Amino acid sequence: MFRILLLLIIIVPAAEIALLILFGQAIGLWPTIGLILLTGVLGAWLAKREGLQTIRLAQLEVEQGRVPSDMLLDGICILIGGVVLLKPGYITDALGFFLLIPQTRGIAKGFILKLFNKMARNGSFVFISRR
């Protein structure tokens, strides 16, 4: 897992720089900067909207006596998506929007759930229940 993370830390920024240069050459400097700013503002608005909606739905589930487990996964995706959108670049922006848009977030939630289950089976992630 550490090797994959290390590769991502090296490869993603390099790819982001390459894409920024390509976009800069194709559409120009100012449109490239404008697009980066636009995705940042749009991403912040979407993260706020989706985060507030998730909080409302979680409150409704708690009021009805249910554990908002699905809402917790939504919250994780929204948090990661919002943080990733803070970093300038087209790859990270695509990932951030993927995590923020409800229709695509379901795919990410399934992946996160599988990852949590795998970590729990390996013993590297422990669920603690308090009663």
N, C-alpha and C. Protein backbone atom coordinates (compact mmCIF):
# COMPACT_ATOMS: atom_id res chain seq x y z
N MET A 1 0.83 -1.19 0.00
CA MET A 1 0.00 0.00 0.00
C MET A 1 0.88 1.26 0.00
N PHE A 2 1.98 1.21 0.78
CA PHE A 2 2.87 2.36 0.86
C PHE A 2 3.52 2.64 -0.49
N ARG A 3 3.89 1.58 -1.22
CA ARG A 3 4.51 1.75 -2.53
C ARG A 3 3.56 2.44 -3.51
N ILE A 4 2.31 2.02 -3.47
CA ILE A 4 1.30 2.63 -4.35
C ILE A 4 1.13 4.11 -4.02
N LEU A 5 1.07 4.40 -2.73
CA LEU A 5 0.93 5.79 -2.29
C LEU A 5 2.13 6.62 -2.71
N LEU A 6 3.32 6.07 -2.56
CA LEU A 6 4.53 6.77 -2.96
C LEU A 6 4.53 7.04 -4.47
N LEU A 7 4.13 6.05 -5.26
CA LEU A 7 4.04 6.25 -6.71
C LEU A 7 3.04 7.34 -7.06
N LEU A 8 1.90 7.34 -6.37
CA LEU A 8 0.89 8.37 -6.62
C LEU A 8 1.41 9.76 -6.27
N ILE A 9 2.19 9.83 -5.20
CA ILE A 9 2.74 11.12 -4.79
C ILE A 9 3.72 11.65 -5.84
N ILE A 10 4.38 10.76 -6.55
CA ILE A 10 5.33 11.16 -7.58
C ILE A 10 4.65 11.32 -8.94
N ILE A 11 3.82 10.37 -9.33
CA ILE A 11 3.25 10.33 -10.68
C ILE A 11 2.15 11.38 -10.88
N VAL A 12 1.25 11.53 -9.93
CA VAL A 12 0.13 12.45 -10.11
C VAL A 12 0.61 13.90 -10.29
N PRO A 13 1.50 14.42 -9.45
CA PRO A 13 1.95 15.80 -9.69
C PRO A 13 2.66 15.96 -11.04
N ALA A 14 3.44 14.97 -11.43
CA ALA A 14 4.12 15.05 -12.72
C ALA A 14 3.11 15.08 -13.86
N ALA A 15 2.11 14.25 -13.78
CA ALA A 15 1.07 14.22 -14.81
C ALA A 15 0.27 15.53 -14.81
N GLU A 16 0.02 16.08 -13.62
CA GLU A 16 -0.70 17.36 -13.52
C GLU A 16 0.09 18.47 -14.21
N ILE A 17 1.39 18.52 -13.95
CA ILE A 17 2.23 19.54 -14.57
C ILE A 17 2.22 19.39 -16.09
N ALA A 18 2.34 18.14 -16.56
CA ALA A 18 2.34 17.90 -18.00
C ALA A 18 1.01 18.35 -18.62
N LEU A 19 -0.11 18.03 -17.97
CA LEU A 19 -1.41 18.45 -18.49
C LEU A 19 -1.57 19.97 -18.48
N LEU A 20 -1.10 20.61 -17.42
CA LEU A 20 -1.18 22.07 -17.36
C LEU A 20 -0.38 22.72 -18.50
N ILE A 21 0.79 22.16 -18.76
CA ILE A 21 1.61 22.68 -19.87
C ILE A 21 0.90 22.45 -21.20
N LEU A 22 0.34 21.24 -21.39
CA LEU A 22 -0.37 20.95 -22.64
C LEU A 22 -1.58 21.87 -22.83
N PHE A 23 -2.35 22.04 -21.78
CA PHE A 23 -3.50 22.94 -21.87
C PHE A 23 -3.06 24.37 -22.13
N GLY A 24 -1.98 24.78 -21.46
CA GLY A 24 -1.46 26.13 -21.66
C GLY A 24 -1.05 26.36 -23.10
N GLN A 25 -0.44 25.37 -23.71
CA GLN A 25 -0.04 25.48 -25.11
C GLN A 25 -1.24 25.44 -26.05
N ALA A 26 -2.23 24.64 -25.70
CA ALA A 26 -3.39 24.46 -26.59
C ALA A 26 -4.37 25.63 -26.51
N ILE A 27 -4.68 26.10 -25.30
CA ILE A 27 -5.70 27.14 -25.19
C ILE A 27 -5.16 28.47 -24.68
N GLY A 28 -3.90 28.47 -24.25
CA GLY A 28 -3.30 29.71 -23.77
C GLY A 28 -3.20 29.76 -22.25
N LEU A 29 -2.37 30.67 -21.79
CA LEU A 29 -2.11 30.80 -20.35
C LEU A 29 -3.34 31.24 -19.57
N TRP A 30 -3.96 32.34 -19.97
CA TRP A 30 -5.07 32.89 -19.19
C TRP A 30 -6.31 31.99 -19.19
N PRO A 31 -6.67 31.38 -20.32
CA PRO A 31 -7.79 30.43 -20.25
C PRO A 31 -7.49 29.22 -19.35
N THR A 32 -6.23 28.79 -19.34
CA THR A 32 -5.85 27.67 -18.46
C THR A 32 -6.00 28.07 -17.00
N ILE A 33 -5.51 29.26 -16.66
CA ILE A 33 -5.64 29.75 -15.28
C ILE A 33 -7.11 29.96 -14.93
N GLY A 34 -7.88 30.51 -15.87
CA GLY A 34 -9.31 30.70 -15.64
C GLY A 34 -10.04 29.39 -15.40
N LEU A 35 -9.67 28.37 -16.16
CA LEU A 35 -10.30 27.05 -15.99
C LEU A 35 -9.98 26.45 -14.63
N ILE A 36 -8.75 26.64 -14.19
CA ILE A 36 -8.35 26.15 -12.86
C ILE A 36 -9.15 26.87 -11.78
N LEU A 37 -9.28 28.19 -11.90
CA LEU A 37 -10.05 28.96 -10.92
C LEU A 37 -11.53 28.58 -10.94
N LEU A 38 -12.07 28.38 -12.14
CA LEU A 38 -13.47 28.01 -12.28
C LEU A 38 -13.75 26.66 -11.62
N THR A 39 -12.88 25.67 -11.86
CA THR A 39 -13.11 24.36 -11.24
C THR A 39 -12.98 24.44 -9.72
N GLY A 40 -12.10 25.32 -9.23
CA GLY A 40 -11.96 25.49 -7.79
C GLY A 40 -13.21 26.08 -7.16
N VAL A 41 -13.75 27.12 -7.77
CA VAL A 41 -14.96 27.76 -7.25
C VAL A 41 -16.15 26.82 -7.36
N LEU A 42 -16.31 26.19 -8.51
CA LEU A 42 -17.42 25.25 -8.72
C LEU A 42 -17.31 24.07 -7.75
N GLY A 43 -16.09 23.58 -7.54
CA GLY A 43 -15.88 22.48 -6.61
C GLY A 43 -16.21 22.84 -5.18
N ALA A 44 -15.83 24.05 -4.75
CA ALA A 44 -16.14 24.50 -3.39
C ALA A 44 -17.65 24.61 -3.19
N TRP A 45 -18.33 25.16 -4.19
CA TRP A 45 -19.79 25.28 -4.11
C TRP A 45 -20.45 23.90 -4.04
N LEU A 46 -20.00 22.99 -4.89
CA LEU A 46 -20.58 21.64 -4.92
C LEU A 46 -20.29 20.89 -3.62
N ALA A 47 -19.08 21.03 -3.09
CA ALA A 47 -18.74 20.35 -1.83
C ALA A 47 -19.61 20.87 -0.70
N LYS A 48 -19.83 22.17 -0.65
CA LYS A 48 -20.68 22.75 0.40
C LYS A 48 -22.11 22.24 0.26
N ARG A 49 -22.64 22.28 -0.96
CA ARG A 49 -24.02 21.84 -1.19
C ARG A 49 -24.21 20.37 -0.83
N GLU A 50 -23.31 19.52 -1.32
CA GLU A 50 -23.43 18.08 -1.05
C GLU A 50 -23.19 17.75 0.42
N GLY A 51 -22.26 18.47 1.04
CA GLY A 51 -21.99 18.25 2.46
C GLY A 51 -23.20 18.60 3.33
N LEU A 52 -23.83 19.73 3.05
CA LEU A 52 -25.02 20.13 3.81
C LEU A 52 -26.18 19.15 3.58
N GLN A 53 -26.33 18.69 2.34
CA GLN A 53 -27.38 17.72 2.03
C GLN A 53 -27.14 16.41 2.78
N THR A 54 -25.90 15.98 2.84
CA THR A 54 -25.57 14.74 3.55
C THR A 54 -25.83 14.88 5.04
N ILE A 55 -25.50 16.03 5.61
CA ILE A 55 -25.77 16.26 7.03
C ILE A 55 -27.27 16.21 7.30
N ARG A 56 -28.07 16.84 6.43
CA ARG A 56 -29.53 16.81 6.61
C ARG A 56 -30.08 15.39 6.56
N LEU A 57 -29.60 14.62 5.57
CA LEU A 57 -30.07 13.23 5.46
C LEU A 57 -29.63 12.38 6.64
N ALA A 58 -28.43 12.62 7.14
CA ALA A 58 -27.95 11.87 8.31
C ALA A 58 -28.79 12.22 9.54
N GLN A 59 -29.15 13.48 9.70
CA GLN A 59 -29.99 13.89 10.82
C GLN A 59 -31.36 13.22 10.74
N LEU A 60 -31.92 13.14 9.53
CA LEU A 60 -33.21 12.47 9.36
C LEU A 60 -33.12 11.00 9.73
N GLU A 61 -32.04 10.33 9.33
CA GLU A 61 -31.89 8.91 9.67
C GLU A 61 -31.76 8.72 11.17
N VAL A 62 -31.01 9.59 11.84
CA VAL A 62 -30.84 9.49 13.29
C VAL A 62 -32.18 9.73 13.98
N GLU A 63 -32.95 10.71 13.49
CA GLU A 63 -34.27 10.98 14.07
C GLU A 63 -35.20 9.79 13.94
N GLN A 64 -35.03 9.01 12.89
CA GLN A 64 -35.86 7.82 12.67
C GLN A 64 -35.28 6.59 13.36
N GLY A 65 -34.20 6.77 14.11
CA GLY A 65 -33.63 5.67 14.88
C GLY A 65 -32.72 4.75 14.08
N ARG A 66 -32.25 5.19 12.93
CA ARG A 66 -31.36 4.38 12.11
C ARG A 66 -29.95 4.94 12.17
N VAL A 67 -28.98 4.06 11.99
CA VAL A 67 -27.59 4.49 11.93
C VAL A 67 -27.32 4.98 10.51
N PRO A 68 -26.81 6.20 10.36
CA PRO A 68 -26.59 6.76 9.02
C PRO A 68 -25.29 6.28 8.36
N SER A 69 -25.12 4.96 8.24
CA SER A 69 -23.87 4.41 7.72
C SER A 69 -23.61 4.83 6.27
N ASP A 70 -24.64 4.85 5.44
CA ASP A 70 -24.47 5.27 4.05
C ASP A 70 -24.08 6.74 3.98
N MET A 71 -24.63 7.53 4.89
CA MET A 71 -24.30 8.95 4.93
C MET A 71 -22.85 9.17 5.37
N LEU A 72 -22.34 8.29 6.22
CA LEU A 72 -20.94 8.41 6.63
C LEU A 72 -20.01 8.19 5.45
N LEU A 73 -20.32 7.20 4.61
CA LEU A 73 -19.52 6.98 3.40
C LEU A 73 -19.64 8.17 2.46
N ASP A 74 -20.84 8.72 2.34
CA ASP A 74 -21.00 9.93 1.53
C ASP A 74 -20.12 11.05 2.07
N GLY A 75 -20.11 11.21 3.38
CA GLY A 75 -19.31 12.25 4.01
C GLY A 75 -17.82 12.08 3.74
N ILE A 76 -17.35 10.83 3.79
CA ILE A 76 -15.94 10.56 3.49
C ILE A 76 -15.62 10.95 2.06
N CYS A 77 -16.50 10.56 1.13
CA CYS A 77 -16.28 10.89 -0.28
C CYS A 77 -16.30 12.40 -0.51
N ILE A 78 -17.24 13.08 0.12
CA ILE A 78 -17.34 14.53 -0.05
C ILE A 78 -16.12 15.23 0.54
N LEU A 79 -15.67 14.77 1.69
CA LEU A 79 -14.48 15.36 2.30
C LEU A 79 -13.25 15.17 1.41
N ILE A 80 -13.04 13.95 0.95
CA ILE A 80 -11.89 13.69 0.08
C ILE A 80 -12.01 14.49 -1.23
N GLY A 81 -13.22 14.50 -1.81
CA GLY A 81 -13.43 15.25 -3.05
C GLY A 81 -13.16 16.73 -2.88
N GLY A 82 -13.62 17.31 -1.77
CA GLY A 82 -13.39 18.73 -1.51
C GLY A 82 -11.92 19.04 -1.32
N VAL A 83 -11.22 18.19 -0.59
CA VAL A 83 -9.79 18.41 -0.34
C VAL A 83 -9.00 18.29 -1.64
N VAL A 84 -9.33 17.28 -2.45
CA VAL A 84 -8.62 17.07 -3.71
C VAL A 84 -8.84 18.24 -4.67
N LEU A 85 -10.03 18.84 -4.62
CA LEU A 85 -10.31 19.97 -5.50
C LEU A 85 -9.53 21.23 -5.10
N LEU A 86 -8.99 21.28 -3.90
CA LEU A 86 -8.19 22.42 -3.48
C LEU A 86 -6.85 22.48 -4.20
N LYS A 87 -6.40 21.32 -4.66
CA LYS A 87 -5.12 21.25 -5.37
C LYS A 87 -5.35 21.56 -6.84
N PRO A 88 -4.62 22.52 -7.40
CA PRO A 88 -4.83 22.83 -8.82
C PRO A 88 -4.37 21.69 -9.72
N GLY A 89 -5.16 21.39 -10.71
CA GLY A 89 -4.81 20.37 -11.68
C GLY A 89 -6.05 19.69 -12.20
N TYR A 90 -5.95 19.18 -13.41
CA TYR A 90 -7.12 18.60 -14.05
C TYR A 90 -7.41 17.17 -13.60
N ILE A 91 -6.39 16.39 -13.30
CA ILE A 91 -6.59 15.02 -12.84
C ILE A 91 -7.26 15.02 -11.47
N THR A 92 -6.72 15.82 -10.55
CA THR A 92 -7.30 15.89 -9.22
C THR A 92 -8.70 16.52 -9.25
N ASP A 93 -8.92 17.47 -10.15
CA ASP A 93 -10.26 18.04 -10.29
C ASP A 93 -11.26 17.00 -10.76
N ALA A 94 -10.85 16.17 -11.72
CA ALA A 94 -11.74 15.11 -12.21
C ALA A 94 -12.07 14.14 -11.08
N LEU A 95 -11.06 13.77 -10.28
CA LEU A 95 -11.31 12.87 -9.14
C LEU A 95 -12.22 13.54 -8.12
N GLY A 96 -11.97 14.81 -7.84
CA GLY A 96 -12.80 15.53 -6.87
C GLY A 96 -14.25 15.61 -7.30
N PHE A 97 -14.50 15.96 -8.56
CA PHE A 97 -15.88 16.02 -9.05
C PHE A 97 -16.52 14.64 -9.07
N PHE A 98 -15.73 13.60 -9.39
CA PHE A 98 -16.23 12.23 -9.36
C PHE A 98 -16.74 11.87 -7.98
N LEU A 99 -16.03 12.32 -6.94
CA LEU A 99 -16.42 12.02 -5.56
C LEU A 99 -17.56 12.92 -5.07
N LEU A 100 -17.74 14.07 -5.68
CA LEU A 100 -18.77 15.00 -5.22
C LEU A 100 -20.12 14.79 -5.89
N ILE A 101 -20.13 14.32 -7.11
CA ILE A 101 -21.40 14.15 -7.84
C ILE A 101 -22.08 12.88 -7.34
N PRO A 102 -23.32 12.99 -6.87
CA PRO A 102 -24.00 11.84 -6.25
C PRO A 102 -24.09 10.61 -7.16
N GLN A 103 -24.27 10.81 -8.45
CA GLN A 103 -24.43 9.68 -9.36
C GLN A 103 -23.14 8.86 -9.49
N THR A 104 -22.00 9.49 -9.41
CA THR A 104 -20.73 8.76 -9.52
C THR A 104 -20.16 8.39 -8.15
N ARG A 105 -20.61 9.07 -7.13
CA ARG A 105 -20.11 8.80 -5.78
C ARG A 105 -20.39 7.37 -5.35
N GLY A 106 -21.48 6.78 -5.85
CA GLY A 106 -21.83 5.40 -5.49
C GLY A 106 -20.72 4.42 -5.85
N ILE A 107 -20.05 4.65 -6.96
CA ILE A 107 -18.94 3.78 -7.37
C ILE A 107 -17.82 3.88 -6.34
N ALA A 108 -17.50 5.09 -5.95
CA ALA A 108 -16.44 5.32 -4.97
C ALA A 108 -16.81 4.72 -3.61
N LYS A 109 -18.07 4.84 -3.23
CA LYS A 109 -18.52 4.28 -1.94
C LYS A 109 -18.35 2.77 -1.93
N GLY A 110 -18.66 2.12 -3.04
CA GLY A 110 -18.47 0.68 -3.13
C GLY A 110 -17.00 0.29 -2.97
N PHE A 111 -16.12 1.07 -3.62
CA PHE A 111 -14.69 0.82 -3.50
C PHE A 111 -14.21 1.02 -2.07
N ILE A 112 -14.65 2.09 -1.41
CA ILE A 112 -14.24 2.37 -0.03
C ILE A 112 -14.74 1.28 0.90
N LEU A 113 -15.96 0.83 0.69
CA LEU A 113 -16.52 -0.24 1.53
C LEU A 113 -15.71 -1.53 1.37
N LYS A 114 -15.35 -1.87 0.14
CA LYS A 114 -14.51 -3.06 -0.09
C LYS A 114 -13.16 -2.90 0.58
N LEU A 115 -12.59 -1.70 0.51
CA LEU A 115 -11.30 -1.43 1.14
C LEU A 115 -11.40 -1.58 2.66
N PHE A 116 -12.44 -1.02 3.27
CA PHE A 116 -12.64 -1.16 4.71
C PHE A 116 -12.80 -2.63 5.10
N ASN A 117 -13.60 -3.38 4.34
CA ASN A 117 -13.80 -4.80 4.64
C ASN A 117 -12.49 -5.58 4.53
N LYS A 118 -11.70 -5.28 3.51
CA LYS A 118 -10.41 -5.96 3.33
C LYS A 118 -9.48 -5.64 4.49
N MET A 119 -9.43 -4.37 4.88
CA MET A 119 -8.58 -3.97 5.99
C MET A 119 -9.04 -4.61 7.30
N ALA A 120 -10.36 -4.75 7.48
CA ALA A 120 -10.88 -5.38 8.70
C ALA A 120 -10.52 -6.86 8.74
N ARG A 121 -10.60 -7.53 7.58
CA ARG A 121 -10.24 -8.96 7.52
C ARG A 121 -8.75 -9.16 7.77
N ASN A 122 -7.90 -8.24 7.29
CA ASN A 122 -6.45 -8.35 7.48
C ASN A 122 -6.02 -7.96 8.88
N GLY A 123 -6.90 -7.35 9.62
CA GLY A 123 -6.57 -6.91 10.97
C GLY A 123 -5.91 -5.55 11.04
N SER A 124 -5.80 -4.87 9.91
CA SER A 124 -5.18 -3.55 9.92
C SER A 124 -6.18 -2.44 10.20
N PHE A 125 -7.43 -2.79 10.29
CA PHE A 125 -8.50 -1.83 10.59
C PHE A 125 -9.46 -2.53 11.52
N VAL A 126 -9.71 -1.97 12.69
CA VAL A 126 -10.53 -2.62 13.70
C VAL A 126 -11.77 -1.79 13.97
N PHE A 127 -12.93 -2.44 13.93
CA PHE A 127 -14.18 -1.78 14.29
C PHE A 127 -14.42 -1.97 15.77
N ILE A 128 -14.63 -0.88 16.50
CA ILE A 128 -14.86 -0.95 17.93
C ILE A 128 -16.31 -0.59 18.18
N SER A 129 -16.99 -1.45 18.90
CA SER A 129 -18.40 -1.21 19.21
C SER A 129 -18.52 -0.85 20.69
N ARG A 130 -19.17 0.25 20.95
CA ARG A 130 -19.42 0.66 22.35
C ARG A 130 -20.89 0.57 22.63
N ARG A 131 -21.19 0.03 23.75
CA ARG A 131 -22.62 -0.12 24.12
C ARG A 131 -22.92 0.56 25.40
